[in-house]
Amino acid sequence: MATYRQQTGATLGTSQTCATCSTQLTLCYASTTSALCCGTSTTAQVFVASGATFATATNLYSNAALTILATAGFYSSNAGTCGTP
């Protein structure tokens, strides 16, 4: 986790830890809706902006820095049922 210190006038502040920029989600993933709904999906680890949820996210990412979009396809928040028809 990155840290920072603020310079104000002639004073360098104490070291602070940067806030988390992303949240990791565990979702089900498949390349087709049929695969997702019929039990051949797999578990996928993706990231969303900090404070976002699967329901409110505007994009899914494959890295915590939110610089690489997640694989195109279909995702479900029913992560406990991946691979279960």
PDB file of N, CA and C in Angstrom:
ATOM      1  N   MET A   1       0.854  -1.165   0.000  1.00  0.00           N
ATOM      2  CA  MET A   1       0.000   0.000   0.000  1.00  0.00           C
ATOM      3  C   MET A   1       0.903   1.232   0.000  1.00  0.00           C
ATOM      4  N   ALA A   2       0.603   2.177  -0.843  1.00  0.00           N
ATOM      5  CA  ALA A   2       1.404   3.394  -0.961  1.00  0.00           C
ATOM      6  C   ALA A   2       1.170   4.320   0.232  1.00  0.00           C
ATOM      7  N   THR A   3       2.180   5.127   0.511  1.00  0.00           N
ATOM      8  CA  THR A   3       2.070   6.127   1.567  1.00  0.00           C
ATOM      9  C   THR A   3       2.412   7.490   0.987  1.00  0.00           C
ATOM     10  N   TYR A   4       2.037   8.537   1.707  1.00  0.00           N
ATOM     11  CA  TYR A   4       2.335   9.902   1.272  1.00  0.00           C
ATOM     12  C   TYR A   4       2.559  10.801   2.480  1.00  0.00           C
ATOM     13  N   ARG A   5       3.184  11.954   2.223  1.00  0.00           N
ATOM     14  CA  ARG A   5       3.376  12.986   3.245  1.00  0.00           C
ATOM     15  C   ARG A   5       3.092  14.328   2.582  1.00  0.00           C
ATOM     16  N   GLN A   6       2.371  15.194   3.245  1.00  0.00           N
ATOM     17  CA  GLN A   6       2.021  16.494   2.692  1.00  0.00           C
ATOM     18  C   GLN A   6       2.985  17.564   3.192  1.00  0.00           C
ATOM     19  N   GLN A   7       3.515  18.347   2.238  1.00  0.00           N
ATOM     20  CA  GLN A   7       4.364  19.493   2.567  1.00  0.00           C
ATOM     21  C   GLN A   7       3.471  20.724   2.655  1.00  0.00           C
ATOM     22  N   THR A   8       3.467  21.398   3.799  1.00  0.00           N
ATOM     23  CA  THR A   8       2.699  22.626   4.002  1.00  0.00           C
ATOM     24  C   THR A   8       3.631  23.662   4.600  1.00  0.00           C
ATOM     25  N   GLY A   9       3.893  24.723   3.835  1.00  0.00           N
ATOM     26  CA  GLY A   9       4.826  25.732   4.327  1.00  0.00           C
ATOM     27  C   GLY A   9       6.181  25.099   4.594  1.00  0.00           C
ATOM     28  N   ALA A  10       6.670  25.235   5.803  1.00  0.00           N
ATOM     29  CA  ALA A  10       7.976  24.688   6.168  1.00  0.00           C
ATOM     30  C   ALA A  10       7.861  23.384   6.939  1.00  0.00           C
ATOM     31  N   THR A  11       6.698  22.717   6.854  1.00  0.00           N
ATOM     32  CA  THR A  11       6.486  21.499   7.624  1.00  0.00           C
ATOM     33  C   THR A  11       6.117  20.335   6.711  1.00  0.00           C
ATOM     34  N   LEU A  12       6.820  19.233   6.876  1.00  0.00           N
ATOM     35  CA  LEU A  12       6.483  17.997   6.175  1.00  0.00           C
ATOM     36  C   LEU A  12       5.665  17.143   7.129  1.00  0.00           C
ATOM     37  N   GLY A  13       4.434  16.840   6.740  1.00  0.00           N
ATOM     38  CA  GLY A  13       3.513  16.109   7.605  1.00  0.00           C
ATOM     39  C   GLY A  13       3.926  14.670   7.827  1.00  0.00           C
ATOM     40  N   THR A  14       3.189  14.021   8.695  1.00  0.00           N
ATOM     41  CA  THR A  14       3.460  12.622   9.017  1.00  0.00           C
ATOM     42  C   THR A  14       3.036  11.720   7.856  1.00  0.00           C
ATOM     43  N   SER A  15       3.603  10.559   7.824  1.00  0.00           N
ATOM     44  CA  SER A  15       3.311   9.580   6.777  1.00  0.00           C
ATOM     45  C   SER A  15       1.887   9.049   6.946  1.00  0.00           C
ATOM     46  N   GLN A  16       1.159   9.008   5.835  1.00  0.00           N
ATOM     47  CA  GLN A  16      -0.216   8.502   5.814  1.00  0.00           C
ATOM     48  C   GLN A  16      -0.322   7.397   4.764  1.00  0.00           C
ATOM     49  N   THR A  17      -1.203   6.457   4.985  1.00  0.00           N
ATOM     50  CA  THR A  17      -1.435   5.387   4.024  1.00  0.00           C
ATOM     51  C   THR A  17      -2.551   5.792   3.068  1.00  0.00           C
ATOM     52  N   CYS A  18      -2.314   5.576   1.777  1.00  0.00           N
ATOM     53  CA  CYS A  18      -3.332   5.888   0.771  1.00  0.00           C
ATOM     54  C   CYS A  18      -4.552   4.993   0.963  1.00  0.00           C
ATOM     55  N   ALA A  19      -5.707   5.538   0.641  1.00  0.00           N
ATOM     56  CA  ALA A  19      -6.948   4.767   0.701  1.00  0.00           C
ATOM     57  C   ALA A  19      -6.940   3.702  -0.395  1.00  0.00           C
ATOM     58  N   THR A  20      -7.678   2.637  -0.185  1.00  0.00           N
ATOM     59  CA  THR A  20      -7.817   1.594  -1.197  1.00  0.00           C
ATOM     60  C   THR A  20      -8.584   2.146  -2.388  1.00  0.00           C
ATOM     61  N   CYS A  21      -8.099   1.854  -3.584  1.00  0.00           N
ATOM     62  CA  CYS A  21      -8.720   2.376  -4.805  1.00  0.00           C
ATOM     63  C   CYS A  21      -9.697   1.398  -5.436  1.00  0.00           C
ATOM     64  N   SER A  22      -9.716   0.158  -4.950  1.00  0.00           N
ATOM     65  CA  SER A  22     -10.569  -0.846  -5.578  1.00  0.00           C
ATOM     66  C   SER A  22     -11.055  -1.863  -4.554  1.00  0.00           C
ATOM     67  N   THR A  23     -12.063  -2.610  -4.971  1.00  0.00           N
ATOM     68  CA  THR A  23     -12.639  -3.681  -4.166  1.00  0.00           C
ATOM     69  C   THR A  23     -12.636  -4.947  -5.001  1.00  0.00           C
ATOM     70  N   GLN A  24     -12.200  -6.058  -4.424  1.00  0.00           N
ATOM     71  CA  GLN A  24     -12.187  -7.327  -5.153  1.00  0.00           C
ATOM     72  C   GLN A  24     -13.525  -8.032  -4.975  1.00  0.00           C
ATOM     73  N   LEU A  25     -14.046  -8.573  -6.077  1.00  0.00           N
ATOM     74  CA  LEU A  25     -15.293  -9.334  -6.061  1.00  0.00           C
ATOM     75  C   LEU A  25     -15.034 -10.742  -6.573  1.00  0.00           C
ATOM     76  N   THR A  26     -15.743 -11.712  -6.041  1.00  0.00           N
ATOM     77  CA  THR A  26     -15.723 -13.074  -6.556  1.00  0.00           C
ATOM     78  C   THR A  26     -17.055 -13.306  -7.253  1.00  0.00           C
ATOM     79  N   LEU A  27     -17.004 -13.529  -8.562  1.00  0.00           N
ATOM     80  CA  LEU A  27     -18.206 -13.686  -9.382  1.00  0.00           C
ATOM     81  C   LEU A  27     -18.137 -14.980 -10.175  1.00  0.00           C
ATOM     82  N   CYS A  28     -19.261 -15.356 -10.781  1.00  0.00           N
ATOM     83  CA  CYS A  28     -19.271 -16.441 -11.758  1.00  0.00           C
ATOM     84  C   CYS A  28     -19.071 -15.806 -13.126  1.00  0.00           C
ATOM     85  N   TYR A  29     -18.339 -16.503 -14.005  1.00  0.00           N
ATOM     86  CA  TYR A  29     -18.069 -15.988 -15.352  1.00  0.00           C
ATOM     87  C   TYR A  29     -18.286 -17.092 -16.380  1.00  0.00           C
ATOM     88  N   ALA A  30     -18.831 -16.695 -17.524  1.00  0.00           N
ATOM     89  CA  ALA A  30     -18.934 -17.595 -18.682  1.00  0.00           C
ATOM     90  C   ALA A  30     -18.927 -16.742 -19.943  1.00  0.00           C
ATOM     91  N   SER A  31     -18.546 -17.341 -21.045  1.00  0.00           N
ATOM     92  CA  SER A  31     -18.485 -16.595 -22.305  1.00  0.00           C
ATOM     93  C   SER A  31     -19.846 -16.471 -22.977  1.00  0.00           C
ATOM     94  N   THR A  32     -20.834 -17.282 -22.539  1.00  0.00           N
ATOM     95  CA  THR A  32     -22.190 -17.198 -23.096  1.00  0.00           C
ATOM     96  C   THR A  32     -23.209 -17.220 -21.963  1.00  0.00           C
ATOM     97  N   THR A  33     -24.410 -16.702 -22.228  1.00  0.00           N
ATOM     98  CA  THR A  33     -25.463 -16.758 -21.208  1.00  0.00           C
ATOM     99  C   THR A  33     -25.877 -18.190 -20.937  1.00  0.00           C
ATOM    100  N   SER A  34     -25.866 -19.018 -21.974  1.00  0.00           N
ATOM    101  CA  SER A  34     -26.222 -20.422 -21.800  1.00  0.00           C
ATOM    102  C   SER A  34     -25.277 -21.096 -20.813  1.00  0.00           C
ATOM    103  N   ALA A  35     -23.998 -20.867 -20.968  1.00  0.00           N
ATOM    104  CA  ALA A  35     -23.013 -21.463 -20.058  1.00  0.00           C
ATOM    105  C   ALA A  35     -23.197 -20.929 -18.641  1.00  0.00           C
ATOM    106  N   LEU A  36     -23.475 -19.643 -18.513  1.00  0.00           N
ATOM    107  CA  LEU A  36     -23.653 -19.050 -17.188  1.00  0.00           C
ATOM    108  C   LEU A  36     -24.886 -19.618 -16.498  1.00  0.00           C
ATOM    109  N   CYS A  37     -25.969 -19.726 -17.237  1.00  0.00           N
ATOM    110  CA  CYS A  37     -27.242 -20.160 -16.640  1.00  0.00           C
ATOM    111  C   CYS A  37     -27.395 -21.675 -16.534  1.00  0.00           C
ATOM    112  N   CYS A  38     -26.605 -22.419 -17.300  1.00  0.00           N
ATOM    113  CA  CYS A  38     -26.767 -23.882 -17.322  1.00  0.00           C
ATOM    114  C   CYS A  38     -25.673 -24.636 -16.585  1.00  0.00           C
ATOM    115  N   GLY A  39     -24.902 -23.929 -15.787  1.00  0.00           N
ATOM    116  CA  GLY A  39     -24.004 -24.613 -14.882  1.00  0.00           C
ATOM    117  C   GLY A  39     -22.591 -24.880 -15.354  1.00  0.00           C
ATOM    118  N   THR A  40     -22.124 -24.194 -16.393  1.00  0.00           N
ATOM    119  CA  THR A  40     -20.736 -24.418 -16.809  1.00  0.00           C
ATOM    120  C   THR A  40     -19.891 -23.153 -16.628  1.00  0.00           C
ATOM    121  N   SER A  41     -20.312 -22.291 -15.718  1.00  0.00           N
ATOM    122  CA  SER A  41     -19.531 -21.081 -15.434  1.00  0.00           C
ATOM    123  C   SER A  41     -18.378 -21.414 -14.492  1.00  0.00           C
ATOM    124  N   THR A  42     -17.438 -20.498 -14.406  1.00  0.00           N
ATOM    125  CA  THR A  42     -16.294 -20.656 -13.512  1.00  0.00           C
ATOM    126  C   THR A  42     -16.231 -19.455 -12.571  1.00  0.00           C
ATOM    127  N   THR A  43     -15.486 -19.596 -11.497  1.00  0.00           N
ATOM    128  CA  THR A  43     -15.308 -18.496 -10.557  1.00  0.00           C
ATOM    129  C   THR A  43     -14.281 -17.519 -11.114  1.00  0.00           C
ATOM    130  N   ALA A  44     -14.574 -16.221 -11.000  1.00  0.00           N
ATOM    131  CA  ALA A  44     -13.662 -15.183 -11.485  1.00  0.00           C
ATOM    132  C   ALA A  44     -13.435 -14.153 -10.390  1.00  0.00           C
ATOM    133  N   GLN A  45     -12.191 -13.740 -10.240  1.00  0.00           N
ATOM    134  CA  GLN A  45     -11.833 -12.662  -9.319  1.00  0.00           C
ATOM    135  C   GLN A  45     -11.692 -11.395 -10.145  1.00  0.00           C
ATOM    136  N   VAL A  46     -12.498 -10.385  -9.855  1.00  0.00           N
ATOM    137  CA  VAL A  46     -12.445  -9.118 -10.574  1.00  0.00           C
ATOM    138  C   VAL A  46     -12.410  -7.973  -9.568  1.00  0.00           C
ATOM    139  N   PHE A  47     -12.168  -6.777 -10.069  1.00  0.00           N
ATOM    140  CA  PHE A  47     -12.079  -5.596  -9.217  1.00  0.00           C
ATOM    141  C   PHE A  47     -13.021  -4.519  -9.734  1.00  0.00           C
ATOM    142  N   VAL A  48     -13.556  -3.731  -8.806  1.00  0.00           N
ATOM    143  CA  VAL A  48     -14.384  -2.564  -9.125  1.00  0.00           C
ATOM    144  C   VAL A  48     -13.837  -1.383  -8.330  1.00  0.00           C
ATOM    145  N   ALA A  49     -14.259  -0.197  -8.700  1.00  0.00           N
ATOM    146  CA  ALA A  49     -13.819   0.994  -7.973  1.00  0.00           C
ATOM    147  C   ALA A  49     -14.240   0.891  -6.511  1.00  0.00           C
ATOM    148  N   SER A  50     -13.429   1.440  -5.632  1.00  0.00           N
ATOM    149  CA  SER A  50     -13.717   1.410  -4.208  1.00  0.00           C
ATOM    150  C   SER A  50     -15.100   1.987  -3.943  1.00  0.00           C
ATOM    151  N   GLY A  51     -15.899   1.283  -3.162  1.00  0.00           N
ATOM    152  CA  GLY A  51     -17.249   1.721  -2.845  1.00  0.00           C
ATOM    153  C   GLY A  51     -18.302   1.183  -3.791  1.00  0.00           C
ATOM    154  N   ALA A  52     -17.887   0.685  -4.953  1.00  0.00           N
ATOM    155  CA  ALA A  52     -18.844   0.121  -5.911  1.00  0.00           C
ATOM    156  C   ALA A  52     -19.162  -1.318  -5.542  1.00  0.00           C
ATOM    157  N   THR A  53     -20.278  -1.797  -6.041  1.00  0.00           N
ATOM    158  CA  THR A  53     -20.682  -3.188  -5.886  1.00  0.00           C
ATOM    159  C   THR A  53     -20.907  -3.756  -7.283  1.00  0.00           C
ATOM    160  N   PHE A  54     -21.194  -5.043  -7.368  1.00  0.00           N
ATOM    161  CA  PHE A  54     -21.511  -5.631  -8.673  1.00  0.00           C
ATOM    162  C   PHE A  54     -22.708  -4.907  -9.296  1.00  0.00           C
ATOM    163  N   ALA A  55     -23.686  -4.555  -8.488  1.00  0.00           N
ATOM    164  CA  ALA A  55     -24.898  -3.891  -8.985  1.00  0.00           C
ATOM    165  C   ALA A  55     -24.649  -2.454  -9.444  1.00  0.00           C
ATOM    166  N   THR A  56     -23.657  -1.775  -8.868  1.00  0.00           N
ATOM    167  CA  THR A  56     -23.451  -0.360  -9.190  1.00  0.00           C
ATOM    168  C   THR A  56     -22.224  -0.082 -10.048  1.00  0.00           C
ATOM    169  N   ALA A  57     -21.367  -1.071 -10.251  1.00  0.00           N
ATOM    170  CA  ALA A  57     -20.133  -0.866 -11.016  1.00  0.00           C
ATOM    171  C   ALA A  57     -20.439  -0.526 -12.472  1.00  0.00           C
ATOM    172  N   THR A  58     -19.584   0.302 -13.055  1.00  0.00           N
ATOM    173  CA  THR A  58     -19.716   0.632 -14.480  1.00  0.00           C
ATOM    174  C   THR A  58     -18.749  -0.180 -15.333  1.00  0.00           C
ATOM    175  N   ASN A  59     -17.742  -0.789 -14.711  1.00  0.00           N
ATOM    176  CA  ASN A  59     -16.790  -1.670 -15.392  1.00  0.00           C
ATOM    177  C   ASN A  59     -16.248  -2.673 -14.396  1.00  0.00           C
ATOM    178  N   LEU A  60     -15.783  -3.809 -14.913  1.00  0.00           N
ATOM    179  CA  LEU A  60     -15.064  -4.797 -14.127  1.00  0.00           C
ATOM    180  C   LEU A  60     -13.630  -4.810 -14.627  1.00  0.00           C
ATOM    181  N   TYR A  61     -12.678  -4.999 -13.723  1.00  0.00           N
ATOM    182  CA  TYR A  61     -11.263  -4.978 -14.073  1.00  0.00           C
ATOM    183  C   TYR A  61     -10.578  -6.248 -13.590  1.00  0.00           C
ATOM    184  N   SER A  62      -9.494  -6.606 -14.235  1.00  0.00           N
ATOM    185  CA  SER A  62      -8.756  -7.802 -13.824  1.00  0.00           C
ATOM    186  C   SER A  62      -7.587  -7.477 -12.903  1.00  0.00           C
ATOM    187  N   ASN A  63      -7.364  -6.199 -12.609  1.00  0.00           N
ATOM    188  CA  ASN A  63      -6.287  -5.840 -11.679  1.00  0.00           C
ATOM    189  C   ASN A  63      -6.759  -4.767 -10.702  1.00  0.00           C
ATOM    190  N   ALA A  64      -6.120  -4.729  -9.539  1.00  0.00           N
ATOM    191  CA  ALA A  64      -6.519  -3.812  -8.473  1.00  0.00           C
ATOM    192  C   ALA A  64      -6.281  -2.350  -8.819  1.00  0.00           C
ATOM    193  N   ALA A  65      -5.383  -2.080  -9.760  1.00  0.00           N
ATOM    194  CA  ALA A  65      -5.119  -0.700 -10.176  1.00  0.00           C
ATOM    195  C   ALA A  65      -6.202  -0.172 -11.124  1.00  0.00           C
ATOM    196  N   LEU A  66      -7.120  -1.036 -11.527  1.00  0.00           N
ATOM    197  CA  LEU A  66      -8.236  -0.685 -12.420  1.00  0.00           C
ATOM    198  C   LEU A  66      -7.747  -0.152 -13.773  1.00  0.00           C
ATOM    199  N   THR A  67      -6.704  -0.800 -14.305  1.00  0.00           N
ATOM    200  CA  THR A  67      -6.164  -0.372 -15.595  1.00  0.00           C
ATOM    201  C   THR A  67      -6.387  -1.395 -16.703  1.00  0.00           C
ATOM    202  N   ILE A  68      -6.772  -2.627 -16.352  1.00  0.00           N
ATOM    203  CA  ILE A  68      -7.003  -3.680 -17.347  1.00  0.00           C
ATOM    204  C   ILE A  68      -8.439  -4.173 -17.209  1.00  0.00           C
ATOM    205  N   LEU A  69      -9.236  -3.998 -18.258  1.00  0.00           N
ATOM    206  CA  LEU A  69     -10.625  -4.456 -18.213  1.00  0.00           C
ATOM    207  C   LEU A  69     -10.686  -5.974 -18.078  1.00  0.00           C
ATOM    208  N   ALA A  70     -11.684  -6.456 -17.362  1.00  0.00           N
ATOM    209  CA  ALA A  70     -11.890  -7.893 -17.214  1.00  0.00           C
ATOM    210  C   ALA A  70     -12.293  -8.486 -18.565  1.00  0.00           C
ATOM    211  N   THR A  71     -12.129  -9.786 -18.684  1.00  0.00           N
ATOM    212  CA  THR A  71     -12.478 -10.501 -19.903  1.00  0.00           C
ATOM    213  C   THR A  71     -13.939 -10.252 -20.270  1.00  0.00           C
ATOM    214  N   ALA A  72     -14.183  -9.995 -21.549  1.00  0.00           N
ATOM    215  CA  ALA A  72     -15.557  -9.812 -22.024  1.00  0.00           C
ATOM    216  C   ALA A  72     -16.335 -11.109 -21.837  1.00  0.00           C
ATOM    217  N   GLY A  73     -17.577 -10.994 -21.463  1.00  0.00           N
ATOM    218  CA  GLY A  73     -18.409 -12.169 -21.255  1.00  0.00           C
ATOM    219  C   GLY A  73     -19.546 -11.847 -20.312  1.00  0.00           C
ATOM    220  N   PHE A  74     -20.054 -12.852 -19.652  1.00  0.00           N
ATOM    221  CA  PHE A  74     -21.207 -12.716 -18.774  1.00  0.00           C
ATOM    222  C   PHE A  74     -20.809 -13.051 -17.338  1.00  0.00           C
ATOM    223  N   TYR A  75     -21.217 -12.182 -16.421  1.00  0.00           N
ATOM    224  CA  TYR A  75     -20.861 -12.337 -15.013  1.00  0.00           C
ATOM    225  C   TYR A  75     -22.125 -12.406 -14.158  1.00  0.00           C
ATOM    226  N   SER A  76     -22.049 -13.133 -13.063  1.00  0.00           N
ATOM    227  CA  SER A  76     -23.160 -13.266 -12.121  1.00  0.00           C
ATOM    228  C   SER A  76     -22.615 -13.120 -10.711  1.00  0.00           C
ATOM    229  N   SER A  77     -23.405 -12.540  -9.836  1.00  0.00           N
ATOM    230  CA  SER A  77     -22.976 -12.382  -8.443  1.00  0.00           C
ATOM    231  C   SER A  77     -23.281 -13.615  -7.610  1.00  0.00           C
ATOM    232  N   ASN A  78     -23.799 -14.669  -8.208  1.00  0.00           N
ATOM    233  CA  ASN A  78     -24.104 -15.905  -7.488  1.00  0.00           C
ATOM    234  C   ASN A  78     -22.863 -16.775  -7.394  1.00  0.00           C
ATOM    235  N   ALA A  79     -21.794 -16.238  -6.833  1.00  0.00           N
ATOM    236  CA  ALA A  79     -20.495 -16.910  -6.846  1.00  0.00           C
ATOM    237  C   ALA A  79     -20.499 -18.272  -6.168  1.00  0.00           C
ATOM    238  N   GLY A  80     -21.367 -18.490  -5.223  1.00  0.00           N
ATOM    239  CA  GLY A  80     -21.402 -19.787  -4.552  1.00  0.00           C
ATOM    240  C   GLY A  80     -22.015 -20.893  -5.391  1.00  0.00           C
ATOM    241  N   THR A  81     -22.565 -20.540  -6.563  1.00  0.00           N
ATOM    242  CA  THR A  81     -23.230 -21.538  -7.389  1.00  0.00           C
ATOM    243  C   THR A  81     -22.580 -21.702  -8.759  1.00  0.00           C
ATOM    244  N   CYS A  82     -21.377 -21.203  -8.957  1.00  0.00           N
ATOM    245  CA  CYS A  82     -20.698 -21.366 -10.242  1.00  0.00           C
ATOM    246  C   CYS A  82     -20.604 -22.856 -10.559  1.00  0.00           C
ATOM    247  N   GLY A  83     -20.945 -23.208 -11.777  1.00  0.00           N
ATOM    248  CA  GLY A  83     -20.865 -24.605 -12.198  1.00  0.00           C
ATOM    249  C   GLY A  83     -22.040 -25.445 -11.751  1.00  0.00           C
ATOM    250  N   THR A  84     -23.048 -24.829 -11.093  1.00  0.00           N
ATOM    251  CA  THR A  84     -24.232 -25.555 -10.638  1.00  0.00           C
ATOM    252  C   THR A  84     -25.436 -25.112 -11.456  1.00  0.00           C
ATOM    253  N   PRO A  85     -26.058 -26.032 -12.185  1.00  0.00           N
ATOM    254  CA  PRO A  85     -27.227 -25.634 -12.995  1.00  0.00           C
ATOM    255  C   PRO A  85     -28.421 -25.261 -12.138  1.00  0.00           C
TER     256      PRO A  85
END
